[in-house]
Amino acid sequence: MFYGASKLIFQKAEELRKNMTPAEEIMWGMLKGNQFDVKFRRQHPISFYIADFYCHELKLVIEIDGSVHDLEKVKINDAIRENDLYELGLKVIRFTNNDVLYNREIIKEKMQEIIRDLRSPFRGLGRILVFDNYDSFTYNLVHLVEKITNGKVDVFRSDQVGLADVAGYDKFILWPGPGI
């Protein structure tokens, strides 16, 4: 859960919990108390970093960015940090201070969408290929799976597919609809 965070990182996290920004306090108010049916921690040590908010169940890091994050050097550091956290198997999402302060309903909607996606049984499936004759039922199935997997679905008619067509796919769905 802490990915080898040092004692120094824990001490700094404790200090940050005592001195949260107004946007962090508002976000914490939205996250604590299981409003999203998951537990978040604030100012959570992870490796060399301190996440503004962290949900261990979903491996989700939430960062609240002030205007300093618009500076080029900070953007580079943020990208390195995100990559390091990604390498640990964590997902990082970012909201700006202004979003938290002035667009809370949008943030709540986005959080519900992200949590739903992270809990999805299709999470981590990679590219999906559907074999079918592509009737209207398949059309609906494909669009549902596309929405859940963020667009990683392709369809081939079952009578028009070759071995070379399927090489780059992680999962397959054979849908024996009408006409097969």
C-alpha atoms as a PDB file:
ATOM      1  CA  MET A   1       0.000   0.000   0.000  1.00  0.00           C
ATOM      2  CA  PHE A   2       2.929   2.335   0.652  1.00  0.00           C
ATOM      3  CA  TYR A   3       5.311   0.826  -1.936  1.00  0.00           C
ATOM      4  CA  GLY A   4       8.426   1.236   0.214  1.00  0.00           C
ATOM      5  CA  ALA A   5       7.843   4.841   1.316  1.00  0.00           C
ATOM      6  CA  SER A   6      10.492   6.032   3.758  1.00  0.00           C
ATOM      7  CA  LYS A   7      10.000   7.387   7.260  1.00  0.00           C
ATOM      8  CA  LEU A   8      10.771  10.874   5.910  1.00  0.00           C
ATOM      9  CA  ILE A   9       7.938  10.586   3.364  1.00  0.00           C
ATOM     10  CA  PHE A  10       5.552   9.519   6.151  1.00  0.00           C
ATOM     11  CA  GLN A  11       6.570  12.539   8.231  1.00  0.00           C
ATOM     12  CA  LYS A  12       6.074  14.912   5.309  1.00  0.00           C
ATOM     13  CA  ALA A  13       2.656  13.346   4.588  1.00  0.00           C
ATOM     14  CA  GLU A  14       1.624  13.959   8.190  1.00  0.00           C
ATOM     15  CA  GLU A  15       2.628  17.632   7.855  1.00  0.00           C
ATOM     16  CA  LEU A  16       0.678  17.956   4.617  1.00  0.00           C
ATOM     17  CA  ARG A  17      -2.438  16.454   6.227  1.00  0.00           C
ATOM     18  CA  LYS A  18      -2.281  19.264   8.795  1.00  0.00           C
ATOM     19  CA  ASN A  19      -1.898  21.968   6.110  1.00  0.00           C
ATOM     20  CA  MET A  20      -4.247  21.060   3.273  1.00  0.00           C
ATOM     21  CA  THR A  21      -5.132  23.644   0.637  1.00  0.00           C
ATOM     22  CA  PRO A  22      -8.753  24.844   0.440  1.00  0.00           C
ATOM     23  CA  ALA A  23      -9.263  22.739  -2.719  1.00  0.00           C
ATOM     24  CA  GLU A  24      -7.809  19.652  -0.996  1.00  0.00           C
ATOM     25  CA  GLU A  25     -10.113  20.200   1.993  1.00  0.00           C
ATOM     26  CA  ILE A  26     -13.150  20.386  -0.284  1.00  0.00           C
ATOM     27  CA  MET A  27     -12.071  17.279  -2.177  1.00  0.00           C
ATOM     28  CA  TRP A  28     -11.464  15.443   1.086  1.00  0.00           C
ATOM     29  CA  GLY A  29     -14.993  16.394   2.147  1.00  0.00           C
ATOM     30  CA  MET A  30     -16.254  14.772  -1.063  1.00  0.00           C
ATOM     31  CA  LEU A  31     -14.137  11.617  -0.650  1.00  0.00           C
ATOM     32  CA  LYS A  32     -14.310  10.813   3.052  1.00  0.00           C
ATOM     33  CA  GLY A  33     -17.289   8.984   4.438  1.00  0.00           C
ATOM     34  CA  ASN A  34     -17.523   6.511   1.539  1.00  0.00           C
ATOM     35  CA  GLN A  35     -19.722   8.733  -0.653  1.00  0.00           C
ATOM     36  CA  PHE A  36     -18.383   6.760  -3.606  1.00  0.00           C
ATOM     37  CA  ASP A  37     -18.536   3.412  -1.774  1.00  0.00           C
ATOM     38  CA  VAL A  38     -14.732   3.186  -1.569  1.00  0.00           C
ATOM     39  CA  LYS A  39     -12.237   4.282   1.066  1.00  0.00           C
ATOM     40  CA  PHE A  40      -9.791   7.078   0.266  1.00  0.00           C
ATOM     41  CA  ARG A  41      -6.773   8.186   2.251  1.00  0.00           C
ATOM     42  CA  ARG A  42      -5.462  11.737   2.163  1.00  0.00           C
ATOM     43  CA  GLN A  43      -1.818  12.736   1.758  1.00  0.00           C
ATOM     44  CA  HIS A  44      -0.875   9.102   1.361  1.00  0.00           C
ATOM     45  CA  PRO A  45       2.811   8.002   1.077  1.00  0.00           C
ATOM     46  CA  ILE A  46       3.579   5.970  -2.054  1.00  0.00           C
ATOM     47  CA  SER A  47       7.222   5.173  -2.768  1.00  0.00           C
ATOM     48  CA  PHE A  48       9.032   8.530  -3.075  1.00  0.00           C
ATOM     49  CA  TYR A  49       5.791  10.479  -3.441  1.00  0.00           C
ATOM     50  CA  ILE A  50       2.814  11.678  -1.457  1.00  0.00           C
ATOM     51  CA  ALA A  51      -0.509  11.315  -3.231  1.00  0.00           C
ATOM     52  CA  ASP A  52      -3.093  13.965  -2.449  1.00  0.00           C
ATOM     53  CA  PHE A  53      -5.665  11.155  -2.226  1.00  0.00           C
ATOM     54  CA  TYR A  54      -5.378   7.397  -2.650  1.00  0.00           C
ATOM     55  CA  CYS A  55      -7.813   4.487  -2.863  1.00  0.00           C
ATOM     56  CA  HIS A  56      -5.993   1.191  -2.331  1.00  0.00           C
ATOM     57  CA  GLU A  57      -8.937  -0.955  -3.470  1.00  0.00           C
ATOM     58  CA  LEU A  58      -8.945   0.703  -6.907  1.00  0.00           C
ATOM     59  CA  LYS A  59      -5.224   1.546  -7.034  1.00  0.00           C
ATOM     60  CA  LEU A  60      -6.364   5.110  -7.772  1.00  0.00           C
ATOM     61  CA  VAL A  61      -4.384   8.285  -7.075  1.00  0.00           C
ATOM     62  CA  ILE A  62      -6.132  11.652  -7.222  1.00  0.00           C
ATOM     63  CA  GLU A  63      -4.035  14.795  -7.548  1.00  0.00           C
ATOM     64  CA  ILE A  64      -5.352  18.326  -7.082  1.00  0.00           C
ATOM     65  CA  ASP A  65      -3.282  20.773  -9.121  1.00  0.00           C
ATOM     66  CA  GLY A  66      -2.840  24.440  -8.438  1.00  0.00           C
ATOM     67  CA  SER A  67      -1.570  26.952 -10.988  1.00  0.00           C
ATOM     68  CA  VAL A  68       2.055  25.958 -10.312  1.00  0.00           C
ATOM     69  CA  HIS A  69       1.327  22.776 -12.292  1.00  0.00           C
ATOM     70  CA  ASP A  70       1.016  24.938 -15.431  1.00  0.00           C
ATOM     71  CA  LEU A  71       4.780  25.627 -15.353  1.00  0.00           C
ATOM     72  CA  GLU A  72       6.789  23.581 -17.860  1.00  0.00           C
ATOM     73  CA  LYS A  73       9.254  22.211 -15.276  1.00  0.00           C
ATOM     74  CA  VAL A  74       6.401  21.119 -13.020  1.00  0.00           C
ATOM     75  CA  LYS A  75       4.610  19.486 -15.965  1.00  0.00           C
ATOM     76  CA  ILE A  76       7.741  17.447 -16.647  1.00  0.00           C
ATOM     77  CA  ASN A  77       7.992  16.406 -12.981  1.00  0.00           C
ATOM     78  CA  ASP A  78       4.286  15.510 -12.971  1.00  0.00           C
ATOM     79  CA  ALA A  79       4.778  13.306 -16.054  1.00  0.00           C
ATOM     80  CA  ILE A  80       7.720  11.505 -14.421  1.00  0.00           C
ATOM     81  CA  ARG A  81       5.730  11.024 -11.229  1.00  0.00           C
ATOM     82  CA  GLU A  82       2.694   9.721 -13.120  1.00  0.00           C
ATOM     83  CA  ASN A  83       4.866   7.277 -15.029  1.00  0.00           C
ATOM     84  CA  ASP A  84       6.480   6.041 -11.796  1.00  0.00           C
ATOM     85  CA  LEU A  85       3.053   5.527 -10.229  1.00  0.00           C
ATOM     86  CA  TYR A  86       1.795   3.828 -13.390  1.00  0.00           C
ATOM     87  CA  GLU A  87       4.753   1.441 -13.183  1.00  0.00           C
ATOM     88  CA  LEU A  88       3.493   0.508  -9.703  1.00  0.00           C
ATOM     89  CA  GLY A  89       0.129  -0.392 -11.247  1.00  0.00           C
ATOM     90  CA  LEU A  90      -1.647   2.778 -10.130  1.00  0.00           C
ATOM     91  CA  LYS A  91      -3.995   5.028 -12.095  1.00  0.00           C
ATOM     92  CA  VAL A  92      -3.568   8.779 -11.644  1.00  0.00           C
ATOM     93  CA  ILE A  93      -6.274  11.335 -12.293  1.00  0.00           C
ATOM     94  CA  ARG A  94      -5.885  15.086 -11.929  1.00  0.00           C
ATOM     95  CA  PHE A  95      -8.285  17.880 -11.163  1.00  0.00           C
ATOM     96  CA  THR A  96      -7.421  21.564 -11.004  1.00  0.00           C
ATOM     97  CA  ASN A  97      -8.024  23.682  -7.932  1.00  0.00           C
ATOM     98  CA  ASN A  98     -10.598  25.651  -9.936  1.00  0.00           C
ATOM     99  CA  ASP A  99     -12.480  22.477 -10.865  1.00  0.00           C
ATOM    100  CA  VAL A 100     -12.691  21.472  -7.202  1.00  0.00           C
ATOM    101  CA  LEU A 101     -13.653  24.954  -6.056  1.00  0.00           C
ATOM    102  CA  TYR A 102     -16.212  25.762  -8.756  1.00  0.00           C
ATOM    103  CA  ASN A 103     -17.277  22.544 -10.546  1.00  0.00           C
ATOM    104  CA  ARG A 104     -17.970  20.002  -7.813  1.00  0.00           C
ATOM    105  CA  GLU A 105     -20.890  18.360  -9.593  1.00  0.00           C
ATOM    106  CA  ILE A 106     -18.722  17.683 -12.640  1.00  0.00           C
ATOM    107  CA  ILE A 107     -16.042  16.213 -10.377  1.00  0.00           C
ATOM    108  CA  LYS A 108     -18.598  13.967  -8.655  1.00  0.00           C
ATOM    109  CA  GLU A 109     -19.835  12.728 -12.037  1.00  0.00           C
ATOM    110  CA  LYS A 110     -16.279  12.118 -13.245  1.00  0.00           C
ATOM    111  CA  MET A 111     -15.402  10.265 -10.018  1.00  0.00           C
ATOM    112  CA  GLN A 112     -18.479   8.035 -10.354  1.00  0.00           C
ATOM    113  CA  GLU A 113     -17.515   7.255 -13.963  1.00  0.00           C
ATOM    114  CA  ILE A 114     -13.890   6.486 -13.072  1.00  0.00           C
ATOM    115  CA  ILE A 115     -14.842   4.278 -10.122  1.00  0.00           C
ATOM    116  CA  ARG A 116     -17.393   2.419 -12.262  1.00  0.00           C
ATOM    117  CA  ASP A 117     -14.759   1.877 -14.973  1.00  0.00           C
ATOM    118  CA  LEU A 118     -12.148   0.685 -12.465  1.00  0.00           C
ATOM    119  CA  ARG A 119     -14.622  -1.801 -11.002  1.00  0.00           C
ATOM    120  CA  SER A 120     -15.652  -3.044 -14.446  1.00  0.00           C
ATOM    121  CA  PRO A 121     -15.152  -6.740 -15.202  1.00  0.00           C
ATOM    122  CA  PHE A 122     -13.778  -5.611 -18.594  1.00  0.00           C
ATOM    123  CA  ARG A 123     -10.950  -3.634 -16.967  1.00  0.00           C
ATOM    124  CA  GLY A 124      -7.543  -4.639 -18.227  1.00  0.00           C
ATOM    125  CA  LEU A 125      -8.798  -6.810 -21.057  1.00  0.00           C
ATOM    126  CA  GLY A 126      -6.799  -4.994 -23.706  1.00  0.00           C
ATOM    127  CA  ARG A 127      -7.975  -4.987 -27.323  1.00  0.00           C
ATOM    128  CA  ILE A 128     -11.111  -7.039 -27.923  1.00  0.00           C
ATOM    129  CA  LEU A 129     -12.207  -8.579 -31.201  1.00  0.00           C
ATOM    130  CA  VAL A 130     -15.806  -9.627 -31.854  1.00  0.00           C
ATOM    131  CA  PHE A 131     -16.538 -12.210 -34.570  1.00  0.00           C
ATOM    132  CA  ASP A 132     -20.091 -11.982 -35.882  1.00  0.00           C
ATOM    133  CA  ASN A 133     -22.260 -11.148 -38.856  1.00  0.00           C
ATOM    134  CA  TYR A 134     -22.767  -7.723 -37.227  1.00  0.00           C
ATOM    135  CA  ASP A 135     -26.501  -7.520 -36.856  1.00  0.00           C
ATOM    136  CA  SER A 136     -28.275  -4.948 -34.669  1.00  0.00           C
ATOM    137  CA  PHE A 137     -27.772  -6.985 -31.489  1.00  0.00           C
ATOM    138  CA  THR A 138     -24.039  -7.162 -32.127  1.00  0.00           C
ATOM    139  CA  TYR A 139     -24.028  -3.423 -32.793  1.00  0.00           C
ATOM    140  CA  ASN A 140     -25.478  -2.819 -29.317  1.00  0.00           C
ATOM    141  CA  LEU A 141     -23.093  -5.314 -27.689  1.00  0.00           C
ATOM    142  CA  VAL A 142     -20.061  -3.729 -29.340  1.00  0.00           C
ATOM    143  CA  HIS A 143     -21.065  -0.213 -28.297  1.00  0.00           C
ATOM    144  CA  LEU A 144     -21.605  -1.353 -24.717  1.00  0.00           C
ATOM    145  CA  VAL A 145     -18.179  -3.025 -24.603  1.00  0.00           C
ATOM    146  CA  GLU A 146     -16.594   0.025 -26.295  1.00  0.00           C
ATOM    147  CA  LYS A 147     -17.992   2.289 -23.610  1.00  0.00           C
ATOM    148  CA  ILE A 148     -16.774   0.049 -20.801  1.00  0.00           C
ATOM    149  CA  THR A 149     -13.304  -0.463 -22.307  1.00  0.00           C
ATOM    150  CA  ASN A 150     -12.785   3.047 -23.702  1.00  0.00           C
ATOM    151  CA  GLY A 151     -13.044   2.039 -27.357  1.00  0.00           C
ATOM    152  CA  LYS A 152     -10.803  -1.003 -27.611  1.00  0.00           C
ATOM    153  CA  VAL A 153     -13.243  -3.170 -29.597  1.00  0.00           C
ATOM    154  CA  ASP A 154     -13.183  -4.141 -33.274  1.00  0.00           C
ATOM    155  CA  VAL A 155     -15.668  -6.302 -35.179  1.00  0.00           C
ATOM    156  CA  PHE A 156     -14.958  -8.684 -38.046  1.00  0.00           C
ATOM    157  CA  ARG A 157     -17.626 -10.551 -39.934  1.00  0.00           C
ATOM    158  CA  SER A 158     -17.126 -14.203 -39.167  1.00  0.00           C
ATOM    159  CA  ASP A 159     -16.883 -15.055 -42.868  1.00  0.00           C
ATOM    160  CA  GLN A 160     -14.331 -12.327 -43.645  1.00  0.00           C
ATOM    161  CA  VAL A 161     -11.545 -12.803 -41.122  1.00  0.00           C
ATOM    162  CA  GLY A 162      -8.120 -14.355 -41.481  1.00  0.00           C
ATOM    163  CA  LEU A 163      -5.448 -15.384 -38.996  1.00  0.00           C
ATOM    164  CA  ALA A 164      -3.392 -12.255 -39.700  1.00  0.00           C
ATOM    165  CA  ASP A 165      -6.396 -10.096 -38.739  1.00  0.00           C
ATOM    166  CA  VAL A 166      -6.477 -11.420 -35.176  1.00  0.00           C
ATOM    167  CA  ALA A 167      -2.778 -11.316 -34.251  1.00  0.00           C
ATOM    168  CA  GLY A 168      -2.836  -8.086 -32.214  1.00  0.00           C
ATOM    169  CA  TYR A 169      -5.851  -8.818 -30.028  1.00  0.00           C
ATOM    170  CA  ASP A 170      -5.887  -9.768 -26.365  1.00  0.00           C
ATOM    171  CA  LYS A 171      -9.440 -11.175 -26.082  1.00  0.00           C
ATOM    172  CA  PHE A 172     -12.001 -12.576 -28.496  1.00  0.00           C
ATOM    173  CA  ILE A 173     -15.778 -12.775 -28.447  1.00  0.00           C
ATOM    174  CA  LEU A 174     -17.443 -15.196 -30.858  1.00  0.00           C
ATOM    175  CA  TRP A 175     -21.018 -14.054 -31.130  1.00  0.00           C
ATOM    176  CA  PRO A 176     -23.143 -16.598 -33.002  1.00  0.00           C
ATOM    177  CA  GLY A 177     -25.951 -14.281 -34.010  1.00  0.00           C
ATOM    178  CA  PRO A 178     -28.500 -14.878 -36.790  1.00  0.00           C
ATOM    179  CA  GLY A 179     -26.970 -15.929 -40.074  1.00  0.00           C
ATOM    180  CA  ILE A 180     -24.007 -17.905 -38.733  1.00  0.00           C
END
